[in-house]
Amino acid sequence: RQKTLITTVCAALLLIAVIASALLIGDERIATN
């Protein structure tokens, strides 16, 4: 059960990190250069 909880938290943190990173990345990072 503890292993399951740790894996669940890690998976949830990965998903939160992706969403947070997308919000922090400005449009200039995907602009043409």
All heavy atoms as atom14 arrays in JSON, in Angstrom:
{
  "sequence": "RQKTLITTVCAALLLIAVIASALLIGDERIATN",
  "atom14_mask": [
    [1, 1, 1, 1, 1, 1, 1, 1, 1, 1, 1, 0, 0, 0],
    [1, 1, 1, 1, 1, 1, 1, 1, 1, 0, 0, 0, 0, 0],
    [1, 1, 1, 1, 1, 1, 1, 1, 1, 0, 0, 0, 0, 0],
    [1, 1, 1, 1, 1, 1, 1, 0, 0, 0, 0, 0, 0, 0],
    [1, 1, 1, 1, 1, 1, 1, 1, 0, 0, 0, 0, 0, 0],
    [1, 1, 1, 1, 1, 1, 1, 1, 0, 0, 0, 0, 0, 0],
    [1, 1, 1, 1, 1, 1, 1, 0, 0, 0, 0, 0, 0, 0],
    [1, 1, 1, 1, 1, 1, 1, 0, 0, 0, 0, 0, 0, 0],
    [1, 1, 1, 1, 1, 1, 1, 0, 0, 0, 0, 0, 0, 0],
    [1, 1, 1, 1, 1, 1, 0, 0, 0, 0, 0, 0, 0, 0],
    [1, 1, 1, 1, 1, 0, 0, 0, 0, 0, 0, 0, 0, 0],
    [1, 1, 1, 1, 1, 0, 0, 0, 0, 0, 0, 0, 0, 0],
    [1, 1, 1, 1, 1, 1, 1, 1, 0, 0, 0, 0, 0, 0],
    [1, 1, 1, 1, 1, 1, 1, 1, 0, 0, 0, 0, 0, 0],
    [1, 1, 1, 1, 1, 1, 1, 1, 0, 0, 0, 0, 0, 0],
    [1, 1, 1, 1, 1, 1, 1, 1, 0, 0, 0, 0, 0, 0],
    [1, 1, 1, 1, 1, 0, 0, 0, 0, 0, 0, 0, 0, 0],
    [1, 1, 1, 1, 1, 1, 1, 0, 0, 0, 0, 0, 0, 0],
    [1, 1, 1, 1, 1, 1, 1, 1, 0, 0, 0, 0, 0, 0],
    [1, 1, 1, 1, 1, 0, 0, 0, 0, 0, 0, 0, 0, 0],
    [1, 1, 1, 1, 1, 1, 0, 0, 0, 0, 0, 0, 0, 0],
    [1, 1, 1, 1, 1, 0, 0, 0, 0, 0, 0, 0, 0, 0],
    [1, 1, 1, 1, 1, 1, 1, 1, 0, 0, 0, 0, 0, 0],
    [1, 1, 1, 1, 1, 1, 1, 1, 0, 0, 0, 0, 0, 0],
    [1, 1, 1, 1, 1, 1, 1, 1, 0, 0, 0, 0, 0, 0],
    [1, 1, 1, 1, 0, 0, 0, 0, 0, 0, 0, 0, 0, 0],
    [1, 1, 1, 1, 1, 1, 1, 1, 0, 0, 0, 0, 0, 0],
    [1, 1, 1, 1, 1, 1, 1, 1, 1, 0, 0, 0, 0, 0],
    [1, 1, 1, 1, 1, 1, 1, 1, 1, 1, 1, 0, 0, 0],
    [1, 1, 1, 1, 1, 1, 1, 1, 0, 0, 0, 0, 0, 0],
    [1, 1, 1, 1, 1, 0, 0, 0, 0, 0, 0, 0, 0, 0],
    [1, 1, 1, 1, 1, 1, 1, 0, 0, 0, 0, 0, 0, 0],
    [1, 1, 1, 1, 1, 1, 1, 1, 0, 0, 0, 0, 0, 0]
  ],
  "atom14_positions": [
    [[0.83, -1.22, 0.0], [0.0, 0.0, 0.0], [0.87, 1.26, 0.0], [0.56, 2.23, -0.69], [-0.94, -0.01, 1.21], [-1.96, 1.12, 1.19], [-2.97, 0.95, 2.3], [-3.91, 2.06, 2.33], [-4.97, 2.17, 1.54], [-5.21, 1.25, 0.63], [-5.78, 3.2, 1.64], [0.0, 0.0, 0.0], [0.0, 0.0, 0.0], [0.0, 0.0, 0.0]],
    [[1.96, 1.26, 0.79], [2.86, 2.41, 0.82], [3.54, 2.62, -0.53], [3.68, 3.75, -1.0], [3.91, 2.22, 1.93], [3.35, 2.39, 3.33], [4.36, 2.03, 4.4], [5.17, 1.11, 4.22], [4.34, 2.74, 5.51], [0.0, 0.0, 0.0], [0.0, 0.0, 0.0], [0.0, 0.0, 0.0], [0.0, 0.0, 0.0], [0.0, 0.0, 0.0]],
    [[3.96, 1.52, -1.16], [4.58, 1.6, -2.5], [3.59, 2.18, -3.5], [3.94, 3.01, -4.35], [5.04, 0.21, -2.97], [6.29, -0.29, -2.27], [6.66, -1.66, -2.8], [7.87, -2.23, -2.06], [8.2, -3.59, -2.5], [0.0, 0.0, 0.0], [0.0, 0.0, 0.0], [0.0, 0.0, 0.0], [0.0, 0.0, 0.0], [0.0, 0.0, 0.0]],
    [[2.35, 1.73, -3.41], [1.3, 2.23, -4.31], [1.08, 3.72, -4.12], [0.96, 4.47, -5.09], [-0.03, 1.46, -4.05], [0.21, 0.06, -4.19], [-1.11, 1.87, -5.04], [0.0, 0.0, 0.0], [0.0, 0.0, 0.0], [0.0, 0.0, 0.0], [0.0, 0.0, 0.0], [0.0, 0.0, 0.0], [0.0, 0.0, 0.0], [0.0, 0.0, 0.0]],
    [[1.06, 4.15, -2.85], [0.89, 5.59, -2.55], [2.03, 6.43, -3.11], [1.8, 7.49, -3.72], [0.79, 5.79, -1.03], [-0.59, 5.62, -0.39], [-0.47, 5.59, 1.12], [-1.54, 6.74, -0.83], [0.0, 0.0, 0.0], [0.0, 0.0, 0.0], [0.0, 0.0, 0.0], [0.0, 0.0, 0.0], [0.0, 0.0, 0.0], [0.0, 0.0, 0.0]],
    [[3.27, 5.94, -2.95], [4.45, 6.68, -3.44], [4.41, 6.79, -4.97], [4.65, 7.85, -5.54], [5.75, 5.99, -2.96], [5.9, 6.17, -1.44], [6.97, 6.57, -3.68], [6.96, 5.31, -0.82], [0.0, 0.0, 0.0], [0.0, 0.0, 0.0], [0.0, 0.0, 0.0], [0.0, 0.0, 0.0], [0.0, 0.0, 0.0], [0.0, 0.0, 0.0]],
    [[4.1, 5.66, -5.64], [4.02, 5.69, -7.12], [2.93, 6.62, -7.59], [3.1, 7.33, -8.58], [3.71, 4.28, -7.68], [3.96, 3.29, -6.74], [4.5, 4.0, -8.9], [0.0, 0.0, 0.0], [0.0, 0.0, 0.0], [0.0, 0.0, 0.0], [0.0, 0.0, 0.0], [0.0, 0.0, 0.0], [0.0, 0.0, 0.0], [0.0, 0.0, 0.0]],
    [[1.78, 6.61, -6.9], [0.67, 7.49, -7.25], [1.07, 8.96, -7.14], [0.8, 9.76, -8.05], [-0.55, 7.22, -6.33], [-0.86, 5.83, -6.38], [-1.76, 8.02, -6.76], [0.0, 0.0, 0.0], [0.0, 0.0, 0.0], [0.0, 0.0, 0.0], [0.0, 0.0, 0.0], [0.0, 0.0, 0.0], [0.0, 0.0, 0.0], [0.0, 0.0, 0.0]],
    [[1.74, 9.29, -6.04], [2.18, 10.68, -5.82], [3.18, 11.1, -6.91], [3.09, 12.2, -7.46], [2.8, 10.84, -4.41], [3.48, 12.19, -4.26], [1.72, 10.68, -3.35], [0.0, 0.0, 0.0], [0.0, 0.0, 0.0], [0.0, 0.0, 0.0], [0.0, 0.0, 0.0], [0.0, 0.0, 0.0], [0.0, 0.0, 0.0], [0.0, 0.0, 0.0]],
    [[4.13, 10.21, -7.25], [5.13, 10.52, -8.29], [4.47, 10.76, -9.64], [4.82, 11.71, -10.35], [6.15, 9.39, -8.41], [7.24, 9.26, -6.97], [0.0, 0.0, 0.0], [0.0, 0.0, 0.0], [0.0, 0.0, 0.0], [0.0, 0.0, 0.0], [0.0, 0.0, 0.0], [0.0, 0.0, 0.0], [0.0, 0.0, 0.0], [0.0, 0.0, 0.0]],
    [[3.51, 9.9, -10.0], [2.8, 10.06, -11.28], [2.01, 11.36, -11.3], [2.01, 12.09, -12.29], [1.86, 8.87, -11.51], [0.0, 0.0, 0.0], [0.0, 0.0, 0.0], [0.0, 0.0, 0.0], [0.0, 0.0, 0.0], [0.0, 0.0, 0.0], [0.0, 0.0, 0.0], [0.0, 0.0, 0.0], [0.0, 0.0, 0.0], [0.0, 0.0, 0.0]],
    [[1.35, 11.66, -10.17], [0.56, 12.91, -10.07], [1.47, 14.13, -10.17], [1.13, 15.12, -10.85], [-0.22, 12.93, -8.77], [0.0, 0.0, 0.0], [0.0, 0.0, 0.0], [0.0, 0.0, 0.0], [0.0, 0.0, 0.0], [0.0, 0.0, 0.0], [0.0, 0.0, 0.0], [0.0, 0.0, 0.0], [0.0, 0.0, 0.0], [0.0, 0.0, 0.0]],
    [[2.65, 14.08, -9.52], [3.61, 15.2, -9.57], [4.13, 15.44, -10.99], [4.3, 16.58, -11.41], [4.78, 14.95, -8.62], [4.48, 15.1, -7.12], [5.68, 14.68, -6.29], [4.09, 16.55, -6.79], [0.0, 0.0, 0.0], [0.0, 0.0, 0.0], [0.0, 0.0, 0.0], [0.0, 0.0, 0.0], [0.0, 0.0, 0.0], [0.0, 0.0, 0.0]],
    [[4.36, 14.35, -11.73], [4.81, 14.48, -13.12], [3.77, 15.22, -13.97], [4.1, 16.13, -14.73], [5.08, 13.08, -13.71], [5.38, 13.03, -15.22], [6.68, 13.77, -15.54], [5.46, 11.59, -15.72], [0.0, 0.0, 0.0], [0.0, 0.0, 0.0], [0.0, 0.0, 0.0], [0.0, 0.0, 0.0], [0.0, 0.0, 0.0], [0.0, 0.0, 0.0]],
    [[2.51, 14.83, -13.79], [1.42, 15.46, -14.56], [1.25, 16.93, -14.17], [1.06, 17.79, -15.03], [0.12, 14.69, -14.34], [0.15, 13.22, -14.77], [-1.1, 12.51, -14.35], [0.33, 13.12, -16.27], [0.0, 0.0, 0.0], [0.0, 0.0, 0.0], [0.0, 0.0, 0.0], [0.0, 0.0, 0.0], [0.0, 0.0, 0.0], [0.0, 0.0, 0.0]],
    [[1.36, 17.22, -12.87], [1.25, 18.61, -12.4], [2.41, 19.44, -12.95], [2.23, 20.59, -13.36], [1.21, 18.66, -10.85], [-0.1, 18.06, -10.34], [1.37, 20.09, -10.33], [-0.1, 17.72, -8.86], [0.0, 0.0, 0.0], [0.0, 0.0, 0.0], [0.0, 0.0, 0.0], [0.0, 0.0, 0.0], [0.0, 0.0, 0.0], [0.0, 0.0, 0.0]],
    [[3.62, 18.83, -12.98], [4.81, 19.54, -13.49], [4.64, 19.91, -14.96], [5.01, 21.02, -15.38], [6.04, 18.66, -13.31], [0.0, 0.0, 0.0], [0.0, 0.0, 0.0], [0.0, 0.0, 0.0], [0.0, 0.0, 0.0], [0.0, 0.0, 0.0], [0.0, 0.0, 0.0], [0.0, 0.0, 0.0], [0.0, 0.0, 0.0], [0.0, 0.0, 0.0]],
    [[4.06, 19.0, -15.75], [3.83, 19.28, -17.18], [2.86, 20.46, -17.35], [3.12, 21.39, -18.12], [3.29, 18.03, -17.91], [2.8, 18.37, -19.31], [4.36, 16.95, -17.98], [0.0, 0.0, 0.0], [0.0, 0.0, 0.0], [0.0, 0.0, 0.0], [0.0, 0.0, 0.0], [0.0, 0.0, 0.0], [0.0, 0.0, 0.0], [0.0, 0.0, 0.0]],
    [[1.75, 20.41, -16.61], [0.74, 21.48, -16.73], [1.3, 22.82, -16.26], [1.13, 23.85, -16.91], [-0.53, 21.11, -15.93], [-1.19, 19.85, -16.52], [-1.53, 22.25, -15.92], [-2.2, 19.18, -15.64], [0.0, 0.0, 0.0], [0.0, 0.0, 0.0], [0.0, 0.0, 0.0], [0.0, 0.0, 0.0], [0.0, 0.0, 0.0], [0.0, 0.0, 0.0]],
    [[2.04, 22.81, -15.12], [2.63, 24.05, -14.59], [3.67, 24.61, -15.56], [3.72, 25.83, -15.78], [3.27, 23.77, -13.23], [0.0, 0.0, 0.0], [0.0, 0.0, 0.0], [0.0, 0.0, 0.0], [0.0, 0.0, 0.0], [0.0, 0.0, 0.0], [0.0, 0.0, 0.0], [0.0, 0.0, 0.0], [0.0, 0.0, 0.0], [0.0, 0.0, 0.0]],
    [[4.5, 23.73, -16.14], [5.53, 24.18, -17.1], [4.9, 24.82, -18.32], [5.38, 25.84, -18.82], [6.4, 23.0, -17.54], [7.0, 22.39, -16.43], [0.0, 0.0, 0.0], [0.0, 0.0, 0.0], [0.0, 0.0, 0.0], [0.0, 0.0, 0.0], [0.0, 0.0, 0.0], [0.0, 0.0, 0.0], [0.0, 0.0, 0.0], [0.0, 0.0, 0.0]],
    [[3.79, 24.23, -18.8], [3.11, 24.79, -19.98], [2.57, 26.19, -19.7], [2.61, 27.07, -20.56], [1.97, 23.87, -20.4], [0.0, 0.0, 0.0], [0.0, 0.0, 0.0], [0.0, 0.0, 0.0], [0.0, 0.0, 0.0], [0.0, 0.0, 0.0], [0.0, 0.0, 0.0], [0.0, 0.0, 0.0], [0.0, 0.0, 0.0], [0.0, 0.0, 0.0]],
    [[2.1, 26.41, -18.47], [1.59, 27.74, -18.09], [2.71, 28.77, -17.96], [2.52, 29.95, -18.23], [0.82, 27.64, -16.77], [-0.48, 26.82, -16.79], [-1.03, 26.65, -15.38], [-1.53, 27.47, -17.7], [0.0, 0.0, 0.0], [0.0, 0.0, 0.0], [0.0, 0.0, 0.0], [0.0, 0.0, 0.0], [0.0, 0.0, 0.0], [0.0, 0.0, 0.0]],
    [[3.91, 28.3, -17.55], [5.03, 29.21, -17.33], [5.79, 29.53, -18.62], [6.46, 30.56, -18.71], [6.01, 28.6, -16.31], [5.47, 28.46, -14.88], [6.44, 27.66, -14.02], [5.21, 29.83, -14.25], [0.0, 0.0, 0.0], [0.0, 0.0, 0.0], [0.0, 0.0, 0.0], [0.0, 0.0, 0.0], [0.0, 0.0, 0.0], [0.0, 0.0, 0.0]],
    [[5.7, 28.64, -19.62], [6.43, 28.87, -20.88], [5.72, 29.96, -21.68], [4.54, 29.85, -22.0], [6.53, 27.57, -21.7], [7.45, 26.58, -21.01], [7.03, 27.85, -23.12], [7.45, 25.19, -21.62], [0.0, 0.0, 0.0], [0.0, 0.0, 0.0], [0.0, 0.0, 0.0], [0.0, 0.0, 0.0], [0.0, 0.0, 0.0], [0.0, 0.0, 0.0]],
    [[6.46, 31.0, -22.02], [5.89, 32.11, -22.8], [5.85, 31.79, -24.28], [6.53, 30.86, -24.76], [0.0, 0.0, 0.0], [0.0, 0.0, 0.0], [0.0, 0.0, 0.0], [0.0, 0.0, 0.0], [0.0, 0.0, 0.0], [0.0, 0.0, 0.0], [0.0, 0.0, 0.0], [0.0, 0.0, 0.0], [0.0, 0.0, 0.0], [0.0, 0.0, 0.0]],
    [[5.06, 32.55, -25.04], [4.93, 32.33, -26.48], [6.24, 32.56, -27.23], [6.43, 32.04, -28.33], [3.83, 33.24, -27.06], [2.45, 32.81, -26.61], [2.3, 31.61, -26.26], [1.52, 33.64, -26.6], [0.0, 0.0, 0.0], [0.0, 0.0, 0.0], [0.0, 0.0, 0.0], [0.0, 0.0, 0.0], [0.0, 0.0, 0.0], [0.0, 0.0, 0.0]],
    [[7.16, 33.35, -26.64], [8.43, 33.63, -27.32], [9.27, 32.37, -27.47], [10.09, 32.26, -28.38], [9.23, 34.72, -26.57], [9.78, 34.33, -25.22], [8.78, 34.41, -24.08], [7.62, 34.85, -24.31], [9.14, 34.04, -22.95], [0.0, 0.0, 0.0], [0.0, 0.0, 0.0], [0.0, 0.0, 0.0], [0.0, 0.0, 0.0], [0.0, 0.0, 0.0]],
    [[9.05, 31.37, -26.57], [9.82, 30.11, -26.64], [9.41, 29.27, -27.84], [10.19, 28.42, -28.29], [9.62, 29.3, -25.35], [10.24, 29.88, -24.1], [11.77, 29.79, -24.11], [12.26, 28.44, -24.32], [12.38, 27.52, -23.36], [12.04, 27.83, -22.11], [12.84, 26.33, -23.63], [0.0, 0.0, 0.0], [0.0, 0.0, 0.0], [0.0, 0.0, 0.0]],
    [[8.19, 29.47, -28.34], [7.76, 28.68, -29.51], [7.6, 29.58, -30.74], [6.93, 29.23, -31.7], [6.44, 27.91, -29.23], [5.34, 28.84, -28.72], [6.67, 26.77, -28.26], [3.99, 28.17, -28.61], [0.0, 0.0, 0.0], [0.0, 0.0, 0.0], [0.0, 0.0, 0.0], [0.0, 0.0, 0.0], [0.0, 0.0, 0.0], [0.0, 0.0, 0.0]],
    [[8.24, 30.76, -30.67], [8.21, 31.69, -31.82], [9.24, 31.26, -32.86], [10.23, 30.59, -32.54], [8.48, 33.11, -31.35], [0.0, 0.0, 0.0], [0.0, 0.0, 0.0], [0.0, 0.0, 0.0], [0.0, 0.0, 0.0], [0.0, 0.0, 0.0], [0.0, 0.0, 0.0], [0.0, 0.0, 0.0], [0.0, 0.0, 0.0], [0.0, 0.0, 0.0]],
    [[9.03, 31.68, -34.1], [9.96, 31.36, -35.2], [11.28, 32.1, -35.02], [11.29, 33.29, -34.71], [9.32, 31.77, -36.55], [8.06, 31.09, -36.67], [10.2, 31.4, -37.71], [0.0, 0.0, 0.0], [0.0, 0.0, 0.0], [0.0, 0.0, 0.0], [0.0, 0.0, 0.0], [0.0, 0.0, 0.0], [0.0, 0.0, 0.0], [0.0, 0.0, 0.0]],
    [[12.39, 31.36, -35.2], [13.73, 31.97, -35.12], [14.65, 31.21, -36.07], [15.23, 30.19, -35.71], [14.25, 31.91, -33.68], [15.6, 32.61, -33.52], [16.18, 33.08, -34.5], [16.1, 32.67, -32.3], [0.0, 0.0, 0.0], [0.0, 0.0, 0.0], [0.0, 0.0, 0.0], [0.0, 0.0, 0.0], [0.0, 0.0, 0.0], [0.0, 0.0, 0.0]]
  ]
}
